[in-house]
């Protein structure tokens, strides 16, 4: 078992989606935390290599777009394939923006539900 603490992770709502762009369109956020994110991959881009660096543009509800550099840390298929990325050298201002969004979502869904995320669409 890993001793590294896991960051709080939340899913966006259908009413307030998170936009993530990676060079091309078609990516849809699955969940997000202050240390990384995962997103569904369009079929024509499935199979990206692990540890590959990626540049993202992220738009959280109620905030402006920001850029983030990340690396692919896992690929998972649950119905649709999604990638998990870990942010690299994310500026404190962006970490704070993510933390505010995550705390707002946790207060909306209740902390007991955050560990039991809903199934994939």
PDB file of N, CA and C in Angstrom:
ATOM      1  N   UNK A   1       0.838  -1.179   0.000  1.00  0.00           N
ATOM      2  CA  UNK A   1       0.000   0.000   0.000  1.00  0.00           C
ATOM      3  C   UNK A   1       0.883   1.241   0.000  1.00  0.00           C
ATOM      4  N   UNK A   2       0.557   2.209  -0.786  1.00  0.00           N
ATOM      5  CA  UNK A   2       1.332   3.430  -0.911  1.00  0.00           C
ATOM      6  C   UNK A   2       1.161   4.302   0.331  1.00  0.00           C
ATOM      7  N   UNK A   3       2.262   4.933   0.763  1.00  0.00           N
ATOM      8  CA  UNK A   3       2.183   5.847   1.889  1.00  0.00           C
ATOM      9  C   UNK A   3       1.847   7.257   1.428  1.00  0.00           C
ATOM     10  N   UNK A   4       1.874   7.493   0.126  1.00  0.00           N
ATOM     11  CA  UNK A   4       1.565   8.804  -0.418  1.00  0.00           C
ATOM     12  C   UNK A   4       0.068   9.074  -0.236  1.00  0.00           C
ATOM     13  N   UNK A   5      -0.251  10.218   0.362  1.00  0.00           N
ATOM     14  CA  UNK A   5      -1.659  10.578   0.563  1.00  0.00           C
ATOM     15  C   UNK A   5      -2.292  10.931  -0.766  1.00  0.00           C
ATOM     16  N   UNK A   6      -3.511  10.502  -0.957  1.00  0.00           N
ATOM     17  CA  UNK A   6      -4.235  10.818  -2.190  1.00  0.00           C
ATOM     18  C   UNK A   6      -4.912  12.163  -2.044  1.00  0.00           C
ATOM     19  N   UNK A   7      -4.886  12.927  -3.104  1.00  0.00           N
ATOM     20  CA  UNK A   7      -5.563  14.231  -3.111  1.00  0.00           C
ATOM     21  C   UNK A   7      -7.069  14.009  -3.235  1.00  0.00           C
ATOM     22  N   UNK A   8      -7.844  14.932  -2.685  1.00  0.00           N
ATOM     23  CA  UNK A   8      -9.301  14.865  -2.837  1.00  0.00           C
ATOM     24  C   UNK A   8      -9.625  14.992  -4.312  1.00  0.00           C
ATOM     25  N   UNK A   9     -10.532  14.174  -4.796  1.00  0.00           N
ATOM     26  CA  UNK A   9     -10.874  14.114  -6.220  1.00  0.00           C
ATOM     27  C   UNK A   9     -12.383  14.241  -6.355  1.00  0.00           C
ATOM     28  N   UNK A  10     -12.823  15.053  -7.292  1.00  0.00           N
ATOM     29  CA  UNK A  10     -14.248  15.250  -7.535  1.00  0.00           C
ATOM     30  C   UNK A  10     -14.533  15.157  -9.028  1.00  0.00           C
ATOM     31  N   UNK A  11     -15.762  14.893  -9.345  1.00  0.00           N
ATOM     32  CA  UNK A  11     -16.200  14.879 -10.739  1.00  0.00           C
ATOM     33  C   UNK A  11     -16.985  16.146 -11.031  1.00  0.00           C
ATOM     34  N   UNK A  12     -16.842  16.656 -12.247  1.00  0.00           N
ATOM     35  CA  UNK A  12     -17.648  17.815 -12.619  1.00  0.00           C
ATOM     36  C   UNK A  12     -19.107  17.403 -12.779  1.00  0.00           C
ATOM     37  N   UNK A  13     -19.991  18.386 -12.741  1.00  0.00           N
ATOM     38  CA  UNK A  13     -21.402  18.093 -12.952  1.00  0.00           C
ATOM     39  C   UNK A  13     -21.735  18.255 -14.431  1.00  0.00           C
ATOM     40  N   UNK A  14     -22.845  17.682 -14.850  1.00  0.00           N
ATOM     41  CA  UNK A  14     -23.292  17.876 -16.228  1.00  0.00           C
ATOM     42  C   UNK A  14     -23.656  19.338 -16.471  1.00  0.00           C
ATOM     43  N   UNK A  15     -24.160  20.001 -15.428  1.00  0.00           N
ATOM     44  CA  UNK A  15     -24.549  21.406 -15.539  1.00  0.00           C
ATOM     45  C   UNK A  15     -23.326  22.322 -15.633  1.00  0.00           C
ATOM     46  N   UNK A  16     -22.224  21.945 -14.961  1.00  0.00           N
ATOM     47  CA  UNK A  16     -20.991  22.729 -14.965  1.00  0.00           C
ATOM     48  C   UNK A  16     -19.810  21.835 -15.333  1.00  0.00           C
ATOM     49  N   UNK A  17     -19.662  21.490 -16.611  1.00  0.00           N
ATOM     50  CA  UNK A  17     -18.562  20.608 -17.010  1.00  0.00           C
ATOM     51  C   UNK A  17     -17.218  21.325 -16.936  1.00  0.00           C
ATOM     52  N   UNK A  18     -16.158  20.545 -16.870  1.00  0.00           N
ATOM     53  CA  UNK A  18     -14.798  21.069 -16.950  1.00  0.00           C
ATOM     54  C   UNK A  18     -14.316  20.808 -18.366  1.00  0.00           C
ATOM     55  N   UNK A  19     -13.801  21.823 -19.012  1.00  0.00           N
ATOM     56  CA  UNK A  19     -13.267  21.660 -20.364  1.00  0.00           C
ATOM     57  C   UNK A  19     -11.769  21.401 -20.280  1.00  0.00           C
ATOM     58  N   UNK A  20     -11.305  20.349 -20.957  1.00  0.00           N
ATOM     59  CA  UNK A  20      -9.878  20.051 -21.061  1.00  0.00           C
ATOM     60  C   UNK A  20      -9.558  19.874 -22.528  1.00  0.00           C
ATOM     61  N   UNK A  21      -8.566  20.607 -23.003  1.00  0.00           N
ATOM     62  CA  UNK A  21      -8.136  20.477 -24.394  1.00  0.00           C
ATOM     63  C   UNK A  21      -6.689  20.021 -24.415  1.00  0.00           C
ATOM     64  N   UNK A  22      -6.396  19.089 -25.293  1.00  0.00           N
ATOM     65  CA  UNK A  22      -5.046  18.559 -25.460  1.00  0.00           C
ATOM     66  C   UNK A  22      -4.746  18.552 -26.949  1.00  0.00           C
ATOM     67  N   UNK A  23      -4.172  19.585 -27.460  1.00  0.00           N
ATOM     68  CA  UNK A  23      -3.810  19.759 -28.859  1.00  0.00           C
ATOM     69  C   UNK A  23      -5.007  19.634 -29.801  1.00  0.00           C
ATOM     70  N   UNK A  24      -5.925  18.773 -29.491  1.00  0.00           N
ATOM     71  CA  UNK A  24      -7.092  18.554 -30.323  1.00  0.00           C
ATOM     72  C   UNK A  24      -8.338  18.600 -29.445  1.00  0.00           C
ATOM     73  N   UNK A  25      -9.496  18.675 -30.022  1.00  0.00           N
ATOM     74  CA  UNK A  25     -10.729  18.662 -29.253  1.00  0.00           C
ATOM     75  C   UNK A  25     -11.195  17.225 -29.043  1.00  0.00           C
ATOM     76  N   UNK A  26     -12.178  17.046 -28.202  1.00  0.00           N
ATOM     77  CA  UNK A  26     -12.764  15.731 -28.011  1.00  0.00           C
ATOM     78  C   UNK A  26     -12.484  15.107 -26.663  1.00  0.00           C
ATOM     79  N   UNK A  27     -11.716  15.780 -25.815  1.00  0.00           N
ATOM     80  CA  UNK A  27     -11.442  15.250 -24.487  1.00  0.00           C
ATOM     81  C   UNK A  27     -12.493  15.763 -23.526  1.00  0.00           C
ATOM     82  N   UNK A  28     -12.938  14.889 -22.606  1.00  0.00           N
ATOM     83  CA  UNK A  28     -13.964  15.239 -21.634  1.00  0.00           C
ATOM     84  C   UNK A  28     -13.477  14.837 -20.252  1.00  0.00           C
ATOM     85  N   UNK A  29     -13.536  15.753 -19.290  1.00  0.00           N
ATOM     86  CA  UNK A  29     -13.056  15.484 -17.938  1.00  0.00           C
ATOM     87  C   UNK A  29     -13.835  14.348 -17.294  1.00  0.00           C
ATOM     88  N   UNK A  30     -13.129  13.450 -16.610  1.00  0.00           N
ATOM     89  CA  UNK A  30     -13.730  12.392 -15.801  1.00  0.00           C
ATOM     90  C   UNK A  30     -13.733  12.820 -14.345  1.00  0.00           C
ATOM     91  N   UNK A  31     -12.582  13.308 -13.839  1.00  0.00           N
ATOM     92  CA  UNK A  31     -12.472  13.856 -12.490  1.00  0.00           C
ATOM     93  C   UNK A  31     -11.231  14.721 -12.420  1.00  0.00           C
ATOM     94  N   UNK A  32     -11.074  15.452 -11.294  1.00  0.00           N
ATOM     95  CA  UNK A  32      -9.947  16.365 -11.157  1.00  0.00           C
ATOM     96  C   UNK A  32      -9.593  16.514  -9.689  1.00  0.00           C
ATOM     97  N   UNK A  33      -8.307  16.734  -9.407  1.00  0.00           N
ATOM     98  CA  UNK A  33      -7.832  17.038  -8.059  1.00  0.00           C
ATOM     99  C   UNK A  33      -6.780  18.122  -8.196  1.00  0.00           C
ATOM    100  N   UNK A  34      -6.204  18.548  -7.081  1.00  0.00           N
ATOM    101  CA  UNK A  34      -5.165  19.578  -7.120  1.00  0.00           C
ATOM    102  C   UNK A  34      -3.853  19.027  -7.664  1.00  0.00           C
ATOM    103  N   UNK A  35      -3.714  17.704  -7.777  1.00  0.00           N
ATOM    104  CA  UNK A  35      -2.460  17.106  -8.256  1.00  0.00           C
ATOM    105  C   UNK A  35      -2.562  16.469  -9.625  1.00  0.00           C
ATOM    106  N   UNK A  36      -3.743  16.336 -10.177  1.00  0.00           N
ATOM    107  CA  UNK A  36      -3.885  15.699 -11.485  1.00  0.00           C
ATOM    108  C   UNK A  36      -5.331  15.624 -11.923  1.00  0.00           C
ATOM    109  N   UNK A  37      -5.547  14.950 -13.029  1.00  0.00           N
ATOM    110  CA  UNK A  37      -6.890  14.830 -13.591  1.00  0.00           C
ATOM    111  C   UNK A  37      -6.953  13.557 -14.403  1.00  0.00           C
ATOM    112  N   UNK A  38      -8.157  13.145 -14.739  1.00  0.00           N
ATOM    113  CA  UNK A  38      -8.325  12.076 -15.722  1.00  0.00           C
ATOM    114  C   UNK A  38      -9.419  12.531 -16.677  1.00  0.00           C
ATOM    115  N   UNK A  39      -9.307  12.058 -17.914  1.00  0.00           N
ATOM    116  CA  UNK A  39     -10.273  12.464 -18.920  1.00  0.00           C
ATOM    117  C   UNK A  39     -10.441  11.367 -19.942  1.00  0.00           C
ATOM    118  N   UNK A  40     -11.642  11.339 -20.520  1.00  0.00           N
ATOM    119  CA  UNK A  40     -11.959  10.359 -21.538  1.00  0.00           C
ATOM    120  C   UNK A  40     -11.240  10.728 -22.831  1.00  0.00           C
ATOM    121  N   UNK A  41     -10.833   9.711 -23.554  1.00  0.00           N
ATOM    122  CA  UNK A  41     -10.032   9.877 -24.774  1.00  0.00           C
ATOM    123  C   UNK A  41     -10.902   9.587 -25.986  1.00  0.00           C
ATOM    124  N   UNK A  42     -10.865  10.434 -27.008  1.00  0.00           N
ATOM    125  CA  UNK A  42     -11.594  10.114 -28.233  1.00  0.00           C
ATOM    126  C   UNK A  42     -11.024   8.823 -28.845  1.00  0.00           C
ATOM    127  N   UNK A  43     -11.864   8.004 -29.458  1.00  0.00           N
ATOM    128  CA  UNK A  43     -11.400   6.718 -29.992  1.00  0.00           C
ATOM    129  C   UNK A  43     -10.168   6.815 -30.892  1.00  0.00           C
ATOM    130  N   UNK A  44     -10.046   7.881 -31.665  1.00  0.00           N
ATOM    131  CA  UNK A  44      -8.906   7.969 -32.587  1.00  0.00           C
ATOM    132  C   UNK A  44      -7.584   8.279 -31.879  1.00  0.00           C
ATOM    133  N   UNK A  45      -7.610   8.552 -30.574  1.00  0.00           N
ATOM    134  CA  UNK A  45      -6.384   8.840 -29.835  1.00  0.00           C
ATOM    135  C   UNK A  45      -6.113   7.841 -28.707  1.00  0.00           C
ATOM    136  N   UNK A  46      -6.848   6.750 -28.642  1.00  0.00           N
ATOM    137  CA  UNK A  46      -6.626   5.754 -27.592  1.00  0.00           C
ATOM    138  C   UNK A  46      -5.245   5.131 -27.754  1.00  0.00           C
ATOM    139  N   UNK A  47      -4.644   4.728 -26.644  1.00  0.00           N
ATOM    140  CA  UNK A  47      -3.359   4.043 -26.677  1.00  0.00           C
ATOM    141  C   UNK A  47      -2.151   4.941 -26.516  1.00  0.00           C
ATOM    142  N   UNK A  48      -2.315   6.155 -25.985  1.00  0.00           N
ATOM    143  CA  UNK A  48      -1.173   7.047 -25.756  1.00  0.00           C
ATOM    144  C   UNK A  48      -0.181   6.393 -24.788  1.00  0.00           C
ATOM    145  N   UNK A  49       1.096   6.668 -24.973  1.00  0.00           N
ATOM    146  CA  UNK A  49       2.146   6.059 -24.151  1.00  0.00           C
ATOM    147  C   UNK A  49       2.173   6.651 -22.748  1.00  0.00           C
ATOM    148  N   UNK A  50       2.387   5.767 -21.739  1.00  0.00           N
ATOM    149  CA  UNK A  50       2.537   6.232 -20.365  1.00  0.00           C
ATOM    150  C   UNK A  50       3.792   7.087 -20.248  1.00  0.00           C
ATOM    151  N   UNK A  51       3.765   8.004 -19.307  1.00  0.00           N
ATOM    152  CA  UNK A  51       4.840   8.962 -19.032  1.00  0.00           C
ATOM    153  C   UNK A  51       5.015  10.018 -20.113  1.00  0.00           C
ATOM    154  N   UNK A  52       4.172   9.988 -21.137  1.00  0.00           N
ATOM    155  CA  UNK A  52       4.254  11.013 -22.173  1.00  0.00           C
ATOM    156  C   UNK A  52       3.846  12.363 -21.587  1.00  0.00           C
ATOM    157  N   UNK A  53       4.618  13.414 -21.880  1.00  0.00           N
ATOM    158  CA  UNK A  53       4.216  14.738 -21.430  1.00  0.00           C
ATOM    159  C   UNK A  53       3.097  15.277 -22.314  1.00  0.00           C
ATOM    160  N   UNK A  54       2.203  16.035 -21.711  1.00  0.00           N
ATOM    161  CA  UNK A  54       1.097  16.643 -22.455  1.00  0.00           C
ATOM    162  C   UNK A  54       0.911  18.073 -21.963  1.00  0.00           C
ATOM    163  N   UNK A  55       0.454  18.920 -22.855  1.00  0.00           N
ATOM    164  CA  UNK A  55       0.096  20.294 -22.512  1.00  0.00           C
ATOM    165  C   UNK A  55      -1.413  20.398 -22.554  1.00  0.00           C
ATOM    166  N   UNK A  56      -1.995  20.930 -21.493  1.00  0.00           N
ATOM    167  CA  UNK A  56      -3.441  21.009 -21.362  1.00  0.00           C
ATOM    168  C   UNK A  56      -3.893  22.457 -21.240  1.00  0.00           C
ATOM    169  N   UNK A  57      -5.107  22.709 -21.647  1.00  0.00           N
ATOM    170  CA  UNK A  57      -5.810  23.948 -21.345  1.00  0.00           C
ATOM    171  C   UNK A  57      -7.047  23.522 -20.571  1.00  0.00           C
ATOM    172  N   UNK A  58      -7.210  24.061 -19.357  1.00  0.00           N
ATOM    173  CA  UNK A  58      -8.289  23.648 -18.462  1.00  0.00           C
ATOM    174  C   UNK A  58      -9.198  24.842 -18.192  1.00  0.00           C
ATOM    175  N   UNK A  59     -10.501  24.611 -18.267  1.00  0.00           N
ATOM    176  CA  UNK A  59     -11.500  25.636 -17.971  1.00  0.00           C
ATOM    177  C   UNK A  59     -12.438  25.081 -16.912  1.00  0.00           C
ATOM    178  N   UNK A  60     -12.313  25.595 -15.692  1.00  0.00           N
ATOM    179  CA  UNK A  60     -13.208  25.217 -14.603  1.00  0.00           C
ATOM    180  C   UNK A  60     -14.427  26.139 -14.618  1.00  0.00           C
ATOM    181  N   UNK A  61     -15.578  25.669 -14.150  1.00  0.00           N
ATOM    182  CA  UNK A  61     -16.753  26.535 -14.087  1.00  0.00           C
ATOM    183  C   UNK A  61     -16.464  27.788 -13.255  1.00  0.00           C
ATOM    184  N   UNK A  62     -16.839  28.943 -13.779  1.00  0.00           N
ATOM    185  CA  UNK A  62     -16.681  30.186 -13.044  1.00  0.00           C
ATOM    186  C   UNK A  62     -15.274  30.754 -12.994  1.00  0.00           C
ATOM    187  N   UNK A  63     -14.349  30.214 -13.786  1.00  0.00           N
ATOM    188  CA  UNK A  63     -12.989  30.753 -13.791  1.00  0.00           C
ATOM    189  C   UNK A  63     -12.489  30.852 -15.225  1.00  0.00           C
ATOM    190  N   UNK A  64     -11.331  31.470 -15.383  1.00  0.00           N
ATOM    191  CA  UNK A  64     -10.749  31.611 -16.715  1.00  0.00           C
ATOM    192  C   UNK A  64      -9.938  30.369 -17.062  1.00  0.00           C
ATOM    193  N   UNK A  65      -9.643  30.229 -18.335  1.00  0.00           N
ATOM    194  CA  UNK A  65      -8.799  29.127 -18.790  1.00  0.00           C
ATOM    195  C   UNK A  65      -7.404  29.262 -18.184  1.00  0.00           C
ATOM    196  N   UNK A  66      -6.733  28.124 -17.956  1.00  0.00           N
ATOM    197  CA  UNK A  66      -5.318  28.178 -17.620  1.00  0.00           C
ATOM    198  C   UNK A  66      -4.615  26.995 -18.281  1.00  0.00           C
ATOM    199  N   UNK A  67      -3.321  27.156 -18.507  1.00  0.00           N
ATOM    200  CA  UNK A  67      -2.524  26.103 -19.126  1.00  0.00           C
ATOM    201  C   UNK A  67      -1.842  25.283 -18.045  1.00  0.00           C
ATOM    202  N   UNK A  68      -1.663  24.003 -18.321  1.00  0.00           N
ATOM    203  CA  UNK A  68      -0.990  23.101 -17.390  1.00  0.00           C
ATOM    204  C   UNK A  68      -0.161  22.093 -18.182  1.00  0.00           C
ATOM    205  N   UNK A  69       0.986  21.771 -17.652  1.00  0.00           N
ATOM    206  CA  UNK A  69       1.809  20.703 -18.226  1.00  0.00           C
ATOM    207  C   UNK A  69       1.627  19.498 -17.318  1.00  0.00           C
ATOM    208  N   UNK A  70       1.509  18.329 -17.924  1.00  0.00           N
ATOM    209  CA  UNK A  70       1.271  17.107 -17.159  1.00  0.00           C
ATOM    210  C   UNK A  70       1.947  15.938 -17.851  1.00  0.00           C
ATOM    211  N   UNK A  71       1.933  14.790 -17.176  1.00  0.00           N
ATOM    212  CA  UNK A  71       2.422  13.554 -17.801  1.00  0.00           C
ATOM    213  C   UNK A  71       1.362  12.480 -17.592  1.00  0.00           C
ATOM    214  N   UNK A  72       1.240  11.597 -18.572  1.00  0.00           N
ATOM    215  CA  UNK A  72       0.265  10.507 -18.504  1.00  0.00           C
ATOM    216  C   UNK A  72       0.764   9.487 -17.491  1.00  0.00           C
ATOM    217  N   UNK A  73      -0.049   9.169 -16.483  1.00  0.00           N
ATOM    218  CA  UNK A  73       0.356   8.206 -15.455  1.00  0.00           C
ATOM    219  C   UNK A  73      -0.463   6.914 -15.491  1.00  0.00           C
ATOM    220  N   UNK A  74      -1.614   6.926 -16.141  1.00  0.00           N
ATOM    221  CA  UNK A  74      -2.334   5.658 -16.337  1.00  0.00           C
ATOM    222  C   UNK A  74      -3.342   5.788 -17.464  1.00  0.00           C
ATOM    223  N   UNK A  75      -3.638   4.647 -18.042  1.00  0.00           N
ATOM    224  CA  UNK A  75      -4.704   4.509 -19.041  1.00  0.00           C
ATOM    225  C   UNK A  75      -5.627   3.414 -18.522  1.00  0.00           C
ATOM    226  N   UNK A  76      -6.910   3.681 -18.537  1.00  0.00           N
ATOM    227  CA  UNK A  76      -7.883   2.728 -18.007  1.00  0.00           C
ATOM    228  C   UNK A  76      -9.061   2.647 -18.953  1.00  0.00           C
ATOM    229  N   UNK A  77      -9.592   1.463 -19.112  1.00  0.00           N
ATOM    230  CA  UNK A  77     -10.794   1.298 -19.921  1.00  0.00           C
ATOM    231  C   UNK A  77     -11.903   0.781 -19.019  1.00  0.00           C
ATOM    232  N   UNK A  78     -12.933   1.615 -18.864  1.00  0.00           N
ATOM    233  CA  UNK A  78     -14.168   1.244 -18.168  1.00  0.00           C
ATOM    234  C   UNK A  78     -15.264   1.731 -19.095  1.00  0.00           C
ATOM    235  N   UNK A  79     -15.628   0.911 -20.061  1.00  0.00           N
ATOM    236  CA  UNK A  79     -16.536   1.362 -21.110  1.00  0.00           C
ATOM    237  C   UNK A  79     -15.738   2.140 -22.140  1.00  0.00           C
ATOM    238  N   UNK A  80     -15.352   3.371 -21.800  1.00  0.00           N
ATOM    239  CA  UNK A  80     -14.506   4.216 -22.651  1.00  0.00           C
ATOM    240  C   UNK A  80     -13.132   4.328 -22.011  1.00  0.00           C
ATOM    241  N   UNK A  81     -12.106   4.466 -22.837  1.00  0.00           N
ATOM    242  CA  UNK A  81     -10.771   4.658 -22.290  1.00  0.00           C
ATOM    243  C   UNK A  81     -10.630   6.075 -21.747  1.00  0.00           C
ATOM    244  N   UNK A  82      -9.946   6.191 -20.607  1.00  0.00           N
ATOM    245  CA  UNK A  82      -9.594   7.515 -20.121  1.00  0.00           C
ATOM    246  C   UNK A  82      -8.153   7.507 -19.659  1.00  0.00           C
ATOM    247  N   UNK A  83      -7.550   8.685 -19.707  1.00  0.00           N
ATOM    248  CA  UNK A  83      -6.167   8.874 -19.278  1.00  0.00           C
ATOM    249  C   UNK A  83      -6.155   9.552 -17.921  1.00  0.00           C
ATOM    250  N   UNK A  84      -5.194   9.182 -17.085  1.00  0.00           N
ATOM    251  CA  UNK A  84      -4.925   9.906 -15.851  1.00  0.00           C
ATOM    252  C   UNK A  84      -3.616  10.642 -16.034  1.00  0.00           C
ATOM    253  N   UNK A  85      -3.601  11.904 -15.685  1.00  0.00           N
ATOM    254  CA  UNK A  85      -2.382  12.702 -15.799  1.00  0.00           C
ATOM    255  C   UNK A  85      -2.040  13.300 -14.449  1.00  0.00           C
ATOM    256  N   UNK A  86      -0.750  13.553 -14.265  1.00  0.00           N
ATOM    257  CA  UNK A  86      -0.259  14.219 -13.069  1.00  0.00           C
ATOM    258  C   UNK A  86       0.294  15.567 -13.500  1.00  0.00           C
ATOM    259  N   UNK A  87      -0.189  16.628 -12.853  1.00  0.00           N
ATOM    260  CA  UNK A  87       0.296  17.959 -13.197  1.00  0.00           C
ATOM    261  C   UNK A  87       1.766  18.088 -12.805  1.00  0.00           C
ATOM    262  N   UNK A  88       2.514  18.829 -13.600  1.00  0.00           N
ATOM    263  CA  UNK A  88       3.933  19.060 -13.344  1.00  0.00           C
ATOM    264  C   UNK A  88       4.157  20.566 -13.177  1.00  0.00           C
ATOM    265  N   UNK A  89       4.721  20.962 -12.038  1.00  0.00           N
ATOM    266  CA  UNK A  89       5.081  22.365 -11.777  1.00  0.00           C
ATOM    267  C   UNK A  89       3.915  23.326 -11.987  1.00  0.00           C
ATOM    268  N   UNK A  90       2.755  22.951 -11.494  1.00  0.00           N
ATOM    269  CA  UNK A  90       1.578  23.809 -11.615  1.00  0.00           C
ATOM    270  C   UNK A  90       1.745  25.020 -10.695  1.00  0.00           C
ATOM    271  N   UNK A  91       1.607  26.233 -11.219  1.00  0.00           N
ATOM    272  CA  UNK A  91       1.752  27.435 -10.374  1.00  0.00           C
ATOM    273  C   UNK A  91       0.764  27.419  -9.203  1.00  0.00           C
ATOM    274  N   UNK A  92       1.184  28.012  -8.099  1.00  0.00           N
ATOM    275  CA  UNK A  92       0.345  28.036  -6.883  1.00  0.00           C
ATOM    276  C   UNK A  92      -1.021  28.640  -7.128  1.00  0.00           C
ATOM    277  N   UNK A  93      -1.085  29.632  -8.001  1.00  0.00           N
ATOM    278  CA  UNK A  93      -2.388  30.261  -8.276  1.00  0.00           C
ATOM    279  C   UNK A  93      -3.354  29.258  -8.904  1.00  0.00           C
ATOM    280  N   UNK A  94      -2.848  28.384  -9.770  1.00  0.00           N
ATOM    281  CA  UNK A  94      -3.703  27.373 -10.400  1.00  0.00           C
ATOM    282  C   UNK A  94      -4.069  26.269  -9.403  1.00  0.00           C
ATOM    283  N   UNK A  95      -3.114  25.906  -8.540  1.00  0.00           N
ATOM    284  CA  UNK A  95      -3.411  24.928  -7.485  1.00  0.00           C
ATOM    285  C   UNK A  95      -4.518  25.476  -6.588  1.00  0.00           C
ATOM    286  N   UNK A  96      -4.441  26.767  -6.245  1.00  0.00           N
ATOM    287  CA  UNK A  96      -5.464  27.391  -5.403  1.00  0.00           C
ATOM    288  C   UNK A  96      -6.820  27.416  -6.102  1.00  0.00           C
ATOM    289  N   UNK A  97      -6.827  27.707  -7.407  1.00  0.00           N
ATOM    290  CA  UNK A  97      -8.077  27.704  -8.180  1.00  0.00           C
ATOM    291  C   UNK A  97      -8.705  26.313  -8.164  1.00  0.00           C
ATOM    292  N   UNK A  98      -7.883  25.281  -8.385  1.00  0.00           N
ATOM    293  CA  UNK A  98      -8.372  23.895  -8.338  1.00  0.00           C
ATOM    294  C   UNK A  98      -8.892  23.554  -6.946  1.00  0.00           C
ATOM    295  N   UNK A  99      -8.160  23.938  -5.910  1.00  0.00           N
ATOM    296  CA  UNK A  99      -8.569  23.629  -4.537  1.00  0.00           C
ATOM    297  C   UNK A  99      -9.918  24.259  -4.206  1.00  0.00           C
ATOM    298  N   UNK A 100     -10.134  25.518  -4.623  1.00  0.00           N
ATOM    299  CA  UNK A 100     -11.428  26.171  -4.378  1.00  0.00           C
ATOM    300  C   UNK A 100     -12.561  25.418  -5.079  1.00  0.00           C
ATOM    301  N   UNK A 101     -12.333  25.032  -6.339  1.00  0.00           N
ATOM    302  CA  UNK A 101     -13.355  24.297  -7.084  1.00  0.00           C
ATOM    303  C   UNK A 101     -13.660  22.962  -6.391  1.00  0.00           C
ATOM    304  N   UNK A 102     -12.621  22.241  -6.001  1.00  0.00           N
ATOM    305  CA  UNK A 102     -12.793  20.923  -5.379  1.00  0.00           C
ATOM    306  C   UNK A 102     -13.539  21.049  -4.056  1.00  0.00           C
ATOM    307  N   UNK A 103     -13.176  22.021  -3.231  1.00  0.00           N
ATOM    308  CA  UNK A 103     -13.877  22.205  -1.955  1.00  0.00           C
ATOM    309  C   UNK A 103     -15.343  22.570  -2.175  1.00  0.00           C
ATOM    310  N   UNK A 104     -15.616  23.399  -3.186  1.00  0.00           N
ATOM    311  CA  UNK A 104     -17.010  23.738  -3.498  1.00  0.00           C
ATOM    312  C   UNK A 104     -17.782  22.493  -3.891  1.00  0.00           C
ATOM    313  N   UNK A 105     -17.198  21.655  -4.763  1.00  0.00           N
ATOM    314  CA  UNK A 105     -17.875  20.422  -5.193  1.00  0.00           C
ATOM    315  C   UNK A 105     -18.069  19.466  -4.016  1.00  0.00           C
ATOM    316  N   UNK A 106     -17.067  19.333  -3.154  1.00  0.00           N
ATOM    317  CA  UNK A 106     -17.203  18.459  -1.990  1.00  0.00           C
ATOM    318  C   UNK A 106     -18.336  18.925  -1.087  1.00  0.00           C
ATOM    319  N   UNK A 107     -18.473  20.231  -0.924  1.00  0.00           N
ATOM    320  CA  UNK A 107     -19.567  20.728  -0.090  1.00  0.00           C
ATOM    321  C   UNK A 107     -20.919  20.470  -0.746  1.00  0.00           C
ATOM    322  N   UNK A 108     -20.968  20.443  -2.075  1.00  0.00           N
ATOM    323  CA  UNK A 108     -22.218  20.168  -2.788  1.00  0.00           C
ATOM    324  C   UNK A 108     -22.628  18.701  -2.686  1.00  0.00           C
ATOM    325  N   UNK A 109     -21.678  17.806  -2.760  1.00  0.00           N
ATOM    326  CA  UNK A 109     -22.016  16.376  -2.791  1.00  0.00           C
ATOM    327  C   UNK A 109     -21.897  15.710  -1.425  1.00  0.00           C
ATOM    328  N   UNK A 110     -21.293  16.374  -0.458  1.00  0.00           N
ATOM    329  CA  UNK A 110     -21.107  15.777   0.859  1.00  0.00           C
ATOM    330  C   UNK A 110     -19.847  14.937   0.884  1.00  0.00           C
ATOM    331  N   UNK A 111     -19.072  15.085   1.907  1.00  0.00           N
ATOM    332  CA  UNK A 111     -17.773  14.405   1.978  1.00  0.00           C
ATOM    333  C   UNK A 111     -17.898  12.890   1.957  1.00  0.00           C
ATOM    334  N   UNK A 112     -18.992  12.347   2.460  1.00  0.00           N
ATOM    335  CA  UNK A 112     -19.135  10.892   2.461  1.00  0.00           C
ATOM    336  C   UNK A 112     -19.293  10.334   1.051  1.00  0.00           C
ATOM    337  N   UNK A 113     -19.839  11.141   0.126  1.00  0.00           N
ATOM    338  CA  UNK A 113     -20.024  10.684  -1.250  1.00  0.00           C
ATOM    339  C   UNK A 113     -18.763  10.826  -2.092  1.00  0.00           C
ATOM    340  N   UNK A 114     -17.783  11.645  -1.685  1.00  0.00           N
ATOM    341  CA  UNK A 114     -16.605  11.897  -2.513  1.00  0.00           C
ATOM    342  C   UNK A 114     -15.779  10.643  -2.742  1.00  0.00           C
ATOM    343  N   UNK A 115     -15.795   9.712  -1.782  1.00  0.00           N
ATOM    344  CA  UNK A 115     -15.026   8.482  -1.956  1.00  0.00           C
ATOM    345  C   UNK A 115     -15.739   7.500  -2.874  1.00  0.00           C
ATOM    346  N   UNK A 116     -17.042   7.647  -3.006  1.00  0.00           N
ATOM    347  CA  UNK A 116     -17.849   6.734  -3.806  1.00  0.00           C
ATOM    348  C   UNK A 116     -18.344   7.468  -5.056  1.00  0.00           C
ATOM    349  N   UNK A 117     -17.432   7.700  -5.994  1.00  0.00           N
ATOM    350  CA  UNK A 117     -17.769   8.452  -7.201  1.00  0.00           C
ATOM    351  C   UNK A 117     -18.728   7.664  -8.077  1.00  0.00           C
ATOM    352  N   UNK A 118     -19.633   8.351  -8.776  1.00  0.00           N
ATOM    353  CA  UNK A 118     -20.592   7.642  -9.641  1.00  0.00           C
ATOM    354  C   UNK A 118     -19.900   6.923 -10.788  1.00  0.00           C
ATOM    355  N   UNK A 119     -20.585   5.940 -11.344  1.00  0.00           N
ATOM    356  CA  UNK A 119     -20.021   5.157 -12.448  1.00  0.00           C
ATOM    357  C   UNK A 119     -19.905   5.990 -13.708  1.00  0.00           C
ATOM    358  N   UNK A 120     -19.170   5.469 -14.689  1.00  0.00           N
ATOM    359  CA  UNK A 120     -18.936   6.172 -15.957  1.00  0.00           C
ATOM    360  C   UNK A 120     -20.239   6.336 -16.714  1.00  0.00           C
ATOM    361  N   UNK A 121     -20.235   7.343 -17.605  1.00  0.00           N
ATOM    362  CA  UNK A 121     -21.422   7.585 -18.446  1.00  0.00           C
ATOM    363  C   UNK A 121     -21.518   6.547 -19.521  1.00  0.00           C
TER     364      UNK A 121
END
